[in-house]
Amino acid sequence: MIWACFSGKQLGPILSFEQGGIGSDEYMEILYEGLIPMIDDLLAISEGVDMIQVADENTLLFMHDNAPCHKTEDIRQLLEENHIPTMS
């Protein structure tokens, strides 16, 4: 299985897994190791920049499919606590 993320500005990590399916706990680790650091990088203020762009609620929209591990309460809470909106 492969997990990856990207934005209009940058490619995120590509994580590969030897065995097929994953559960909510493994998906949570993926988000902590892949998605959240990428978001932190995207929102970081670059050195030597005179002006910053203020983010709003439309700046980031995370999309994942309806796999059962994506829809658990733990994952919903993780995304909510980290202010990561998801596409319906």
N, C-alpha and C. Protein backbone atom coordinates (compact mmCIF):
# COMPACT_ATOMS: atom_id res chain seq x y z
N MET A 1 0.84 -1.16 0.00
CA MET A 1 0.00 0.00 0.00
C MET A 1 0.89 1.24 0.00
N ILE A 2 0.45 2.27 -0.66
CA ILE A 2 1.16 3.54 -0.76
C ILE A 2 0.26 4.65 -0.22
N TRP A 3 0.84 5.56 0.55
CA TRP A 3 0.14 6.77 0.99
C TRP A 3 1.00 7.94 0.60
N ALA A 4 0.37 8.99 0.04
CA ALA A 4 1.11 10.18 -0.36
C ALA A 4 0.22 11.40 -0.23
N CYS A 5 0.85 12.58 -0.20
CA CYS A 5 0.08 13.82 -0.19
C CYS A 5 0.84 14.87 -0.98
N PHE A 6 0.10 15.87 -1.45
CA PHE A 6 0.71 16.95 -2.21
C PHE A 6 -0.17 18.18 -2.09
N SER A 7 0.41 19.31 -2.41
CA SER A 7 -0.34 20.56 -2.47
C SER A 7 0.02 21.24 -3.78
N GLY A 8 -0.56 22.40 -4.01
CA GLY A 8 -0.21 23.15 -5.21
C GLY A 8 1.21 23.67 -5.15
N LYS A 9 1.81 23.71 -3.95
CA LYS A 9 3.15 24.25 -3.78
C LYS A 9 4.23 23.20 -3.58
N GLN A 10 3.86 22.03 -3.10
CA GLN A 10 4.92 21.08 -2.75
C GLN A 10 4.41 19.64 -2.74
N LEU A 11 5.34 18.74 -3.01
CA LEU A 11 5.06 17.32 -2.87
C LEU A 11 5.33 16.92 -1.43
N GLY A 12 4.46 16.12 -0.88
CA GLY A 12 4.67 15.61 0.47
C GLY A 12 5.36 14.27 0.42
N PRO A 13 5.43 13.62 1.55
CA PRO A 13 6.10 12.33 1.60
C PRO A 13 5.28 11.24 0.92
N ILE A 14 5.97 10.21 0.50
CA ILE A 14 5.32 8.98 0.01
C ILE A 14 5.71 7.89 0.99
N LEU A 15 4.72 7.31 1.60
CA LEU A 15 4.96 6.24 2.58
C LEU A 15 4.48 4.93 1.98
N SER A 16 5.28 3.89 2.10
CA SER A 16 4.89 2.59 1.57
C SER A 16 4.81 1.57 2.71
N PHE A 17 3.93 0.61 2.54
CA PHE A 17 3.68 -0.41 3.55
C PHE A 17 3.70 -1.77 2.88
N GLU A 18 4.38 -2.72 3.51
CA GLU A 18 4.54 -4.04 2.90
C GLU A 18 3.23 -4.82 2.84
N GLN A 19 2.44 -4.75 3.88
CA GLN A 19 1.19 -5.49 3.91
C GLN A 19 0.03 -4.60 3.52
N GLY A 20 -1.04 -5.19 3.05
CA GLY A 20 -2.22 -4.49 2.57
C GLY A 20 -2.87 -3.54 3.54
N GLY A 21 -4.04 -3.88 4.02
CA GLY A 21 -4.88 -2.97 4.78
C GLY A 21 -4.29 -2.44 6.07
N ILE A 22 -4.81 -1.29 6.48
CA ILE A 22 -4.41 -0.68 7.73
C ILE A 22 -5.65 -0.34 8.52
N GLY A 23 -5.48 -0.13 9.81
CA GLY A 23 -6.58 0.28 10.67
C GLY A 23 -6.44 1.73 11.07
N SER A 24 -7.32 2.16 11.94
CA SER A 24 -7.35 3.54 12.39
C SER A 24 -6.04 3.95 13.07
N ASP A 25 -5.47 3.07 13.89
CA ASP A 25 -4.22 3.41 14.59
C ASP A 25 -3.08 3.64 13.62
N GLU A 26 -2.97 2.79 12.60
CA GLU A 26 -1.91 2.96 11.60
C GLU A 26 -2.15 4.23 10.78
N TYR A 27 -3.40 4.49 10.46
CA TYR A 27 -3.72 5.70 9.68
C TYR A 27 -3.40 6.96 10.49
N MET A 28 -3.65 6.90 11.78
CA MET A 28 -3.32 8.04 12.65
C MET A 28 -1.81 8.30 12.62
N GLU A 29 -1.01 7.24 12.68
CA GLU A 29 0.44 7.39 12.58
C GLU A 29 0.85 8.01 11.25
N ILE A 30 0.19 7.59 10.18
CA ILE A 30 0.48 8.13 8.85
C ILE A 30 0.22 9.63 8.83
N LEU A 31 -0.90 10.05 9.41
CA LEU A 31 -1.23 11.47 9.42
C LEU A 31 -0.22 12.26 10.25
N TYR A 32 0.17 11.70 11.39
CA TYR A 32 1.17 12.37 12.24
C TYR A 32 2.54 12.43 11.56
N GLU A 33 2.91 11.39 10.81
CA GLU A 33 4.23 11.34 10.18
C GLU A 33 4.27 12.02 8.81
N GLY A 34 3.13 12.06 8.11
CA GLY A 34 3.12 12.57 6.75
C GLY A 34 2.38 13.89 6.58
N LEU A 35 1.12 13.91 6.97
CA LEU A 35 0.29 15.08 6.70
C LEU A 35 0.62 16.28 7.59
N ILE A 36 0.66 16.08 8.88
CA ILE A 36 0.83 17.21 9.80
C ILE A 36 2.18 17.91 9.60
N PRO A 37 3.30 17.19 9.43
CA PRO A 37 4.56 17.90 9.15
C PRO A 37 4.51 18.69 7.84
N MET A 38 3.82 18.14 6.83
CA MET A 38 3.72 18.86 5.56
C MET A 38 2.92 20.15 5.74
N ILE A 39 1.84 20.10 6.50
CA ILE A 39 1.04 21.30 6.76
C ILE A 39 1.88 22.33 7.51
N ASP A 40 2.63 21.86 8.50
CA ASP A 40 3.52 22.78 9.25
C ASP A 40 4.50 23.46 8.30
N ASP A 41 5.07 22.70 7.36
CA ASP A 41 6.00 23.28 6.38
C ASP A 41 5.30 24.31 5.49
N LEU A 42 4.10 24.00 5.07
CA LEU A 42 3.37 24.92 4.19
C LEU A 42 3.02 26.23 4.89
N LEU A 43 2.75 26.16 6.19
CA LEU A 43 2.32 27.34 6.93
C LEU A 43 3.49 28.11 7.56
N ALA A 44 4.69 27.55 7.49
CA ALA A 44 5.86 28.21 8.08
C ALA A 44 6.19 29.49 7.32
N ILE A 45 6.64 30.48 8.03
CA ILE A 45 7.05 31.74 7.43
C ILE A 45 8.49 31.59 6.95
N SER A 46 8.71 31.84 5.69
CA SER A 46 10.04 31.71 5.11
C SER A 46 10.95 32.81 5.62
N GLU A 47 12.23 32.50 5.76
CA GLU A 47 13.22 33.50 6.18
C GLU A 47 13.35 34.58 5.11
N GLY A 48 13.52 35.81 5.54
CA GLY A 48 13.74 36.90 4.62
C GLY A 48 12.49 37.40 3.92
N VAL A 49 11.33 36.93 4.35
CA VAL A 49 10.08 37.37 3.71
C VAL A 49 9.57 38.61 4.42
N ASP A 50 9.24 39.65 3.65
CA ASP A 50 8.73 40.89 4.21
C ASP A 50 7.24 40.83 4.52
N MET A 51 6.52 40.00 3.76
CA MET A 51 5.08 39.96 3.87
C MET A 51 4.64 38.50 3.96
N ILE A 52 3.63 38.24 4.77
CA ILE A 52 3.08 36.89 4.84
C ILE A 52 1.63 36.92 4.37
N GLN A 53 1.18 35.80 3.87
CA GLN A 53 -0.21 35.67 3.45
C GLN A 53 -0.99 35.07 4.61
N VAL A 54 -2.09 35.68 4.97
CA VAL A 54 -2.91 35.19 6.07
C VAL A 54 -3.80 34.07 5.56
N ALA A 55 -3.74 32.94 6.23
CA ALA A 55 -4.55 31.78 5.84
C ALA A 55 -5.98 31.98 6.32
N ASP A 56 -6.92 31.44 5.56
CA ASP A 56 -8.31 31.42 5.99
C ASP A 56 -8.83 29.99 5.89
N GLU A 57 -10.11 29.81 6.16
CA GLU A 57 -10.66 28.45 6.20
C GLU A 57 -10.63 27.76 4.84
N ASN A 58 -10.39 28.50 3.77
CA ASN A 58 -10.35 27.91 2.44
C ASN A 58 -8.93 27.59 1.97
N THR A 59 -7.93 27.85 2.79
CA THR A 59 -6.54 27.65 2.41
C THR A 59 -6.20 26.17 2.28
N LEU A 60 -6.75 25.35 3.14
CA LEU A 60 -6.42 23.93 3.18
C LEU A 60 -7.69 23.10 3.18
N LEU A 61 -7.73 22.08 2.36
CA LEU A 61 -8.84 21.13 2.35
C LEU A 61 -8.24 19.75 2.11
N PHE A 62 -8.33 18.89 3.11
CA PHE A 62 -7.75 17.54 3.03
C PHE A 62 -8.78 16.59 2.43
N MET A 63 -8.34 15.78 1.49
CA MET A 63 -9.22 14.81 0.86
C MET A 63 -8.70 13.40 1.10
N HIS A 64 -9.56 12.57 1.59
CA HIS A 64 -9.26 11.13 1.66
C HIS A 64 -10.54 10.39 1.31
N ASP A 65 -10.41 9.12 0.95
CA ASP A 65 -11.60 8.39 0.52
C ASP A 65 -12.40 7.90 1.73
N ASN A 66 -13.39 7.13 1.50
CA ASN A 66 -14.26 6.65 2.58
C ASN A 66 -13.83 5.29 3.13
N ALA A 67 -12.55 5.01 3.12
CA ALA A 67 -12.07 3.78 3.74
C ALA A 67 -12.48 3.79 5.21
N PRO A 68 -12.84 2.64 5.76
CA PRO A 68 -13.29 2.61 7.16
C PRO A 68 -12.31 3.25 8.14
N CYS A 69 -11.02 3.09 7.93
CA CYS A 69 -10.04 3.67 8.87
C CYS A 69 -10.00 5.19 8.79
N HIS A 70 -10.51 5.77 7.72
CA HIS A 70 -10.54 7.23 7.57
C HIS A 70 -11.72 7.85 8.31
N LYS A 71 -12.72 7.05 8.64
CA LYS A 71 -13.98 7.58 9.16
C LYS A 71 -14.17 7.36 10.66
N THR A 72 -13.14 6.90 11.37
CA THR A 72 -13.31 6.63 12.79
C THR A 72 -13.37 7.92 13.59
N GLU A 73 -13.91 7.85 14.77
CA GLU A 73 -14.00 9.01 15.66
C GLU A 73 -12.61 9.53 16.02
N ASP A 74 -11.66 8.62 16.24
CA ASP A 74 -10.28 9.05 16.57
C ASP A 74 -9.68 9.90 15.45
N ILE A 75 -9.88 9.49 14.21
CA ILE A 75 -9.34 10.24 13.07
C ILE A 75 -10.07 11.57 12.94
N ARG A 76 -11.37 11.57 13.09
CA ARG A 76 -12.14 12.81 13.02
C ARG A 76 -11.64 13.80 14.07
N GLN A 77 -11.40 13.32 15.28
CA GLN A 77 -10.90 14.18 16.35
C GLN A 77 -9.50 14.70 16.05
N LEU A 78 -8.62 13.84 15.56
CA LEU A 78 -7.26 14.26 15.21
C LEU A 78 -7.30 15.40 14.20
N LEU A 79 -8.10 15.25 13.16
CA LEU A 79 -8.19 16.28 12.12
C LEU A 79 -8.81 17.56 12.68
N GLU A 80 -9.82 17.41 13.50
CA GLU A 80 -10.47 18.59 14.10
C GLU A 80 -9.52 19.33 15.04
N GLU A 81 -8.81 18.59 15.90
CA GLU A 81 -7.88 19.21 16.85
C GLU A 81 -6.73 19.93 16.15
N ASN A 82 -6.38 19.46 14.96
CA ASN A 82 -5.29 20.08 14.20
C ASN A 82 -5.81 21.06 13.15
N HIS A 83 -7.10 21.38 13.22
CA HIS A 83 -7.74 22.36 12.34
C HIS A 83 -7.54 22.01 10.87
N ILE A 84 -7.74 20.73 10.55
CA ILE A 84 -7.59 20.25 9.18
C ILE A 84 -8.98 19.93 8.64
N PRO A 85 -9.53 20.81 7.79
CA PRO A 85 -10.85 20.54 7.22
C PRO A 85 -10.76 19.45 6.17
N THR A 86 -11.79 18.65 6.08
CA THR A 86 -11.81 17.57 5.09
C THR A 86 -12.91 17.77 4.08
N MET A 87 -12.65 17.30 2.87
CA MET A 87 -13.63 17.37 1.81
C MET A 87 -14.74 16.36 2.11
N SER A 88 -15.97 16.77 1.88
CA SER A 88 -17.12 15.85 2.09
C SER A 88 -17.12 14.76 1.06
